[in-house]
Amino acid sequence: MTPRRRGAIPFHQIAELQFRLGLRRGEVIALDEHWLHEGLSEVHVIVDGAFETKKHEGRIVYGVDKLTFELAREVIAVERAQHVTVCGYREAFDRACARLARDGHPWPFTRKTHALRSAYAVASRHAGVPLPVVALRLGHASERTTERHYFGRTEERQRSPFEGSALLSAR
């Protein structure tokens, strides 16, 4: 792990976890230990009095690997130790995208944290995950919603989101 200044929040870990699980930014910020079910290889997005999802429904992300669980626990520890906000995460994400562009590795989607959901969907399909499974993991009621929002809009969305560059930290 690279050294960082005291008090700095490792937003790259939050972004990587958002990409690995296909979560919305509010969901990754609200992540809690009781959402993690490592024995089942599942992360349960749970709606309760402290957290509400866009559709007001929980969902399950299936097929989560061991490294993602480790990363999730790191992110939870960071969020417990420091106050992480959606606005702070968004600002850090914008700065990271600007740095990538300056370094010649522009983000191939849009400069929004929601683009990590797009990247998750596209990478899942490139890995051979069936569309109904991707829709379920993203919490969409219909495959058509997933297809309409994440596939077929532009040529840019059809290529791998990390083609030719290592945008997220290597684990």
C-alpha atoms as a PDB file:
ATOM      1  CA  MET A   1       0.000   0.000   0.000  1.00  0.00           C
ATOM      2  CA  THR A   2       1.381   3.431  -0.873  1.00  0.00           C
ATOM      3  CA  PRO A   3       1.942   5.895   1.968  1.00  0.00           C
ATOM      4  CA  ARG A   4      -0.517   8.760   2.153  1.00  0.00           C
ATOM      5  CA  ARG A   5      -0.730  11.908   4.222  1.00  0.00           C
ATOM      6  CA  ARG A   6      -2.310  11.639   7.636  1.00  0.00           C
ATOM      7  CA  GLY A   7      -6.095  11.932   7.505  1.00  0.00           C
ATOM      8  CA  ALA A   8      -6.327  11.385   3.745  1.00  0.00           C
ATOM      9  CA  ILE A   9      -9.246   9.211   2.765  1.00  0.00           C
ATOM     10  CA  PRO A  10      -8.280   6.472   0.265  1.00  0.00           C
ATOM     11  CA  PHE A  11     -11.102   7.212  -2.170  1.00  0.00           C
ATOM     12  CA  HIS A  12      -9.468   4.930  -4.755  1.00  0.00           C
ATOM     13  CA  GLN A  13     -10.429   1.968  -2.561  1.00  0.00           C
ATOM     14  CA  ILE A  14     -14.045   3.154  -2.421  1.00  0.00           C
ATOM     15  CA  ALA A  15     -14.071   3.590  -6.211  1.00  0.00           C
ATOM     16  CA  GLU A  16     -12.551   0.159  -6.759  1.00  0.00           C
ATOM     17  CA  LEU A  17     -15.150  -1.434  -4.474  1.00  0.00           C
ATOM     18  CA  GLN A  18     -17.934   0.430  -6.279  1.00  0.00           C
ATOM     19  CA  PHE A  19     -16.629  -0.948  -9.574  1.00  0.00           C
ATOM     20  CA  ARG A  20     -16.194  -4.500  -8.250  1.00  0.00           C
ATOM     21  CA  LEU A  21     -19.749  -4.667  -6.845  1.00  0.00           C
ATOM     22  CA  GLY A  22     -21.641  -2.384  -9.254  1.00  0.00           C
ATOM     23  CA  LEU A  23     -23.002  -0.322  -6.377  1.00  0.00           C
ATOM     24  CA  ARG A  24     -24.335   3.220  -6.528  1.00  0.00           C
ATOM     25  CA  ARG A  25     -22.098   5.731  -4.738  1.00  0.00           C
ATOM     26  CA  GLY A  26     -24.523   6.103  -1.816  1.00  0.00           C
ATOM     27  CA  GLU A  27     -24.603   2.328  -1.418  1.00  0.00           C
ATOM     28  CA  VAL A  28     -20.833   1.974  -1.294  1.00  0.00           C
ATOM     29  CA  ILE A  29     -20.644   4.794   1.286  1.00  0.00           C
ATOM     30  CA  ALA A  30     -23.408   3.139   3.395  1.00  0.00           C
ATOM     31  CA  LEU A  31     -21.776  -0.320   3.235  1.00  0.00           C
ATOM     32  CA  ASP A  32     -21.750  -2.078   6.594  1.00  0.00           C
ATOM     33  CA  GLU A  33     -20.307  -5.318   7.948  1.00  0.00           C
ATOM     34  CA  HIS A  34     -23.756  -6.935   8.233  1.00  0.00           C
ATOM     35  CA  TRP A  35     -24.144  -6.597   4.433  1.00  0.00           C
ATOM     36  CA  LEU A  36     -21.223  -8.995   3.883  1.00  0.00           C
ATOM     37  CA  HIS A  37     -21.968 -12.731   3.661  1.00  0.00           C
ATOM     38  CA  GLU A  38     -18.616 -14.230   2.717  1.00  0.00           C
ATOM     39  CA  GLY A  39     -19.700 -17.847   3.250  1.00  0.00           C
ATOM     40  CA  LEU A  40     -22.386 -17.342   0.569  1.00  0.00           C
ATOM     41  CA  SER A  41     -20.151 -15.147  -1.657  1.00  0.00           C
ATOM     42  CA  GLU A  42     -22.830 -12.446  -1.442  1.00  0.00           C
ATOM     43  CA  VAL A  43     -23.186  -8.804  -0.503  1.00  0.00           C
ATOM     44  CA  HIS A  44     -26.692  -7.859   0.602  1.00  0.00           C
ATOM     45  CA  VAL A  45     -27.620  -4.206   0.021  1.00  0.00           C
ATOM     46  CA  ILE A  46     -29.944  -3.682   2.980  1.00  0.00           C
ATOM     47  CA  VAL A  47     -32.564  -0.966   3.276  1.00  0.00           C
ATOM     48  CA  ASP A  48     -33.215   0.111   6.849  1.00  0.00           C
ATOM     49  CA  GLY A  49     -33.964   3.240   8.872  1.00  0.00           C
ATOM     50  CA  ALA A  50     -30.442   4.593   8.276  1.00  0.00           C
ATOM     51  CA  PHE A  51     -30.171   3.861   4.549  1.00  0.00           C
ATOM     52  CA  GLU A  52     -32.512   3.913   1.567  1.00  0.00           C
ATOM     53  CA  THR A  53     -31.786   2.769  -2.003  1.00  0.00           C
ATOM     54  CA  LYS A  54     -33.023   4.413  -5.174  1.00  0.00           C
ATOM     55  CA  LYS A  55     -35.797   1.816  -5.619  1.00  0.00           C
ATOM     56  CA  HIS A  56     -36.459   1.528  -1.854  1.00  0.00           C
ATOM     57  CA  GLU A  57     -35.592  -2.172  -2.093  1.00  0.00           C
ATOM     58  CA  GLY A  58     -32.615  -4.209  -1.033  1.00  0.00           C
ATOM     59  CA  ARG A  59     -30.806  -6.570  -3.368  1.00  0.00           C
ATOM     60  CA  ILE A  60     -28.098  -9.199  -3.401  1.00  0.00           C
ATOM     61  CA  VAL A  61     -24.853  -9.098  -5.361  1.00  0.00           C
ATOM     62  CA  TYR A  62     -23.901 -12.728  -6.011  1.00  0.00           C
ATOM     63  CA  GLY A  63     -20.531 -14.268  -6.843  1.00  0.00           C
ATOM     64  CA  VAL A  64     -18.331 -11.921  -4.812  1.00  0.00           C
ATOM     65  CA  ASP A  65     -14.699 -13.039  -4.564  1.00  0.00           C
ATOM     66  CA  LYS A  66     -12.417 -13.093  -1.520  1.00  0.00           C
ATOM     67  CA  LEU A  67     -10.366 -10.040  -2.588  1.00  0.00           C
ATOM     68  CA  THR A  68     -13.537  -7.980  -2.893  1.00  0.00           C
ATOM     69  CA  PHE A  69     -14.570  -8.977   0.637  1.00  0.00           C
ATOM     70  CA  GLU A  70     -11.126  -7.921   1.906  1.00  0.00           C
ATOM     71  CA  LEU A  71     -11.457  -4.598   0.095  1.00  0.00           C
ATOM     72  CA  ALA A  72     -14.982  -4.145   1.497  1.00  0.00           C
ATOM     73  CA  ARG A  73     -13.688  -4.604   5.041  1.00  0.00           C
ATOM     74  CA  GLU A  74     -10.908  -2.061   4.391  1.00  0.00           C
ATOM     75  CA  VAL A  75     -13.459   0.439   3.080  1.00  0.00           C
ATOM     76  CA  ILE A  76     -15.744  -0.137   6.078  1.00  0.00           C
ATOM     77  CA  ALA A  77     -12.779   0.463   8.435  1.00  0.00           C
ATOM     78  CA  VAL A  78     -11.933   3.721   6.628  1.00  0.00           C
ATOM     79  CA  GLU A  79     -15.547   4.876   6.749  1.00  0.00           C
ATOM     80  CA  ARG A  80     -15.728   4.129  10.497  1.00  0.00           C
ATOM     81  CA  ALA A  81     -12.473   5.973  11.205  1.00  0.00           C
ATOM     82  CA  GLN A  82     -13.225   9.016   9.039  1.00  0.00           C
ATOM     83  CA  HIS A  83     -16.411  10.701   7.966  1.00  0.00           C
ATOM     84  CA  VAL A  84     -16.825   9.856   4.262  1.00  0.00           C
ATOM     85  CA  THR A  85     -19.491  11.791   2.375  1.00  0.00           C
ATOM     86  CA  VAL A  86     -20.995  11.324  -1.059  1.00  0.00           C
ATOM     87  CA  CYS A  87     -19.913  14.900  -1.954  1.00  0.00           C
ATOM     88  CA  GLY A  88     -16.329  14.281  -0.824  1.00  0.00           C
ATOM     89  CA  TYR A  89     -16.212  11.062  -2.816  1.00  0.00           C
ATOM     90  CA  ARG A  90     -17.587  12.819  -5.907  1.00  0.00           C
ATOM     91  CA  GLU A  91     -14.992  15.608  -5.647  1.00  0.00           C
ATOM     92  CA  ALA A  92     -12.163  13.089  -5.214  1.00  0.00           C
ATOM     93  CA  PHE A  93     -13.449  11.119  -8.196  1.00  0.00           C
ATOM     94  CA  ASP A  94     -13.472  14.279 -10.355  1.00  0.00           C
ATOM     95  CA  ARG A  95      -9.892  15.074  -9.316  1.00  0.00           C
ATOM     96  CA  ALA A  96      -8.797  11.508 -10.123  1.00  0.00           C
ATOM     97  CA  CYS A  97     -10.423  11.693 -13.572  1.00  0.00           C
ATOM     98  CA  ALA A  98      -8.675  15.009 -14.261  1.00  0.00           C
ATOM     99  CA  ARG A  99      -5.321  13.466 -13.210  1.00  0.00           C
ATOM    100  CA  LEU A 100      -5.902  10.475 -15.472  1.00  0.00           C
ATOM    101  CA  ALA A 101      -6.688  12.773 -18.410  1.00  0.00           C
ATOM    102  CA  ARG A 102      -3.550  14.857 -17.758  1.00  0.00           C
ATOM    103  CA  ASP A 103      -1.496  11.636 -17.672  1.00  0.00           C
ATOM    104  CA  GLY A 104      -2.896  10.508 -21.018  1.00  0.00           C
ATOM    105  CA  HIS A 105      -5.368   7.942 -19.641  1.00  0.00           C
ATOM    106  CA  PRO A 106      -8.772   9.635 -19.891  1.00  0.00           C
ATOM    107  CA  TRP A 107     -11.746   7.855 -18.311  1.00  0.00           C
ATOM    108  CA  PRO A 108     -13.508   6.206 -21.274  1.00  0.00           C
ATOM    109  CA  PHE A 109     -17.028   6.832 -19.957  1.00  0.00           C
ATOM    110  CA  THR A 110     -18.306  10.024 -18.363  1.00  0.00           C
ATOM    111  CA  ARG A 111     -16.712  11.753 -15.405  1.00  0.00           C
ATOM    112  CA  LYS A 112     -19.298  10.569 -12.914  1.00  0.00           C
ATOM    113  CA  THR A 113     -19.036   7.997 -10.147  1.00  0.00           C
ATOM    114  CA  HIS A 114     -22.092   6.316 -11.661  1.00  0.00           C
ATOM    115  CA  ALA A 115     -19.839   5.428 -14.601  1.00  0.00           C
ATOM    116  CA  LEU A 116     -18.344   2.760 -12.341  1.00  0.00           C
ATOM    117  CA  ARG A 117     -21.717   0.963 -12.554  1.00  0.00           C
ATOM    118  CA  SER A 118     -21.450   1.207 -16.342  1.00  0.00           C
ATOM    119  CA  ALA A 119     -17.921  -0.154 -16.207  1.00  0.00           C
ATOM    120  CA  TYR A 120     -19.109  -2.998 -13.949  1.00  0.00           C
ATOM    121  CA  ALA A 121     -21.946  -3.869 -16.342  1.00  0.00           C
ATOM    122  CA  VAL A 122     -19.743  -3.770 -19.454  1.00  0.00           C
ATOM    123  CA  ALA A 123     -16.885  -5.696 -17.808  1.00  0.00           C
ATOM    124  CA  SER A 124     -19.367  -8.319 -16.560  1.00  0.00           C
ATOM    125  CA  ARG A 125     -20.782  -8.811 -20.056  1.00  0.00           C
ATOM    126  CA  HIS A 126     -17.239  -8.982 -21.538  1.00  0.00           C
ATOM    127  CA  ALA A 127     -16.482 -11.702 -18.961  1.00  0.00           C
ATOM    128  CA  GLY A 128     -19.484 -13.695 -20.212  1.00  0.00           C
ATOM    129  CA  VAL A 129     -21.969 -12.960 -17.422  1.00  0.00           C
ATOM    130  CA  PRO A 130     -25.506 -13.320 -18.831  1.00  0.00           C
ATOM    131  CA  LEU A 131     -27.588 -10.140 -19.096  1.00  0.00           C
ATOM    132  CA  PRO A 132     -30.254 -11.356 -16.600  1.00  0.00           C
ATOM    133  CA  VAL A 133     -27.534 -11.861 -13.969  1.00  0.00           C
ATOM    134  CA  VAL A 134     -26.020  -8.412 -14.597  1.00  0.00           C
ATOM    135  CA  ALA A 135     -29.514  -6.868 -14.299  1.00  0.00           C
ATOM    136  CA  LEU A 136     -30.123  -8.703 -11.032  1.00  0.00           C
ATOM    137  CA  ARG A 137     -26.774  -7.626  -9.561  1.00  0.00           C
ATOM    138  CA  LEU A 138     -27.455  -4.002 -10.489  1.00  0.00           C
ATOM    139  CA  GLY A 139     -30.913  -4.179  -8.930  1.00  0.00           C
ATOM    140  CA  HIS A 140     -32.857  -3.594 -12.129  1.00  0.00           C
ATOM    141  CA  ALA A 141     -36.372  -5.002 -12.382  1.00  0.00           C
ATOM    142  CA  SER A 142     -35.983  -5.531 -16.116  1.00  0.00           C
ATOM    143  CA  GLU A 143     -33.190  -6.670 -18.408  1.00  0.00           C
ATOM    144  CA  ARG A 144     -34.368  -3.973 -20.808  1.00  0.00           C
ATOM    145  CA  THR A 145     -33.440  -1.308 -18.231  1.00  0.00           C
ATOM    146  CA  THR A 146     -29.914  -2.674 -17.985  1.00  0.00           C
ATOM    147  CA  GLU A 147     -29.601  -2.983 -21.743  1.00  0.00           C
ATOM    148  CA  ARG A 148     -30.974   0.509 -22.384  1.00  0.00           C
ATOM    149  CA  HIS A 149     -28.802   2.235 -19.766  1.00  0.00           C
ATOM    150  CA  TYR A 150     -25.521   0.383 -20.148  1.00  0.00           C
ATOM    151  CA  PHE A 151     -25.325  -1.199 -23.600  1.00  0.00           C
ATOM    152  CA  GLY A 152     -25.820  -0.015 -27.146  1.00  0.00           C
ATOM    153  CA  ARG A 153     -25.881   3.740 -26.529  1.00  0.00           C
ATOM    154  CA  THR A 154     -22.501   4.547 -28.010  1.00  0.00           C
ATOM    155  CA  GLU A 155     -19.533   2.726 -29.454  1.00  0.00           C
ATOM    156  CA  GLU A 156     -17.539   3.925 -26.449  1.00  0.00           C
ATOM    157  CA  ARG A 157     -19.680   1.847 -24.075  1.00  0.00           C
ATOM    158  CA  GLN A 158     -19.098  -1.320 -26.078  1.00  0.00           C
ATOM    159  CA  ARG A 159     -15.368  -1.485 -25.426  1.00  0.00           C
ATOM    160  CA  SER A 160     -13.749  -2.634 -22.221  1.00  0.00           C
ATOM    161  CA  PRO A 161     -13.633   0.211 -19.690  1.00  0.00           C
ATOM    162  CA  PHE A 162     -10.016  -0.469 -18.767  1.00  0.00           C
ATOM    163  CA  GLU A 163      -8.649  -1.206 -22.206  1.00  0.00           C
ATOM    164  CA  GLY A 164      -4.962  -0.334 -22.332  1.00  0.00           C
ATOM    165  CA  SER A 165      -4.579   1.219 -18.887  1.00  0.00           C
ATOM    166  CA  ALA A 166      -4.628   0.277 -15.232  1.00  0.00           C
ATOM    167  CA  LEU A 167      -7.076   2.821 -13.858  1.00  0.00           C
ATOM    168  CA  LEU A 168      -7.780   1.246 -10.491  1.00  0.00           C
ATOM    169  CA  SER A 169      -5.262   0.019  -7.970  1.00  0.00           C
ATOM    170  CA  ALA A 170      -3.733  -3.377  -8.629  1.00  0.00           C
ATOM    171  CA  ARG A 171      -4.592  -5.890  -5.953  1.00  0.00           C
END
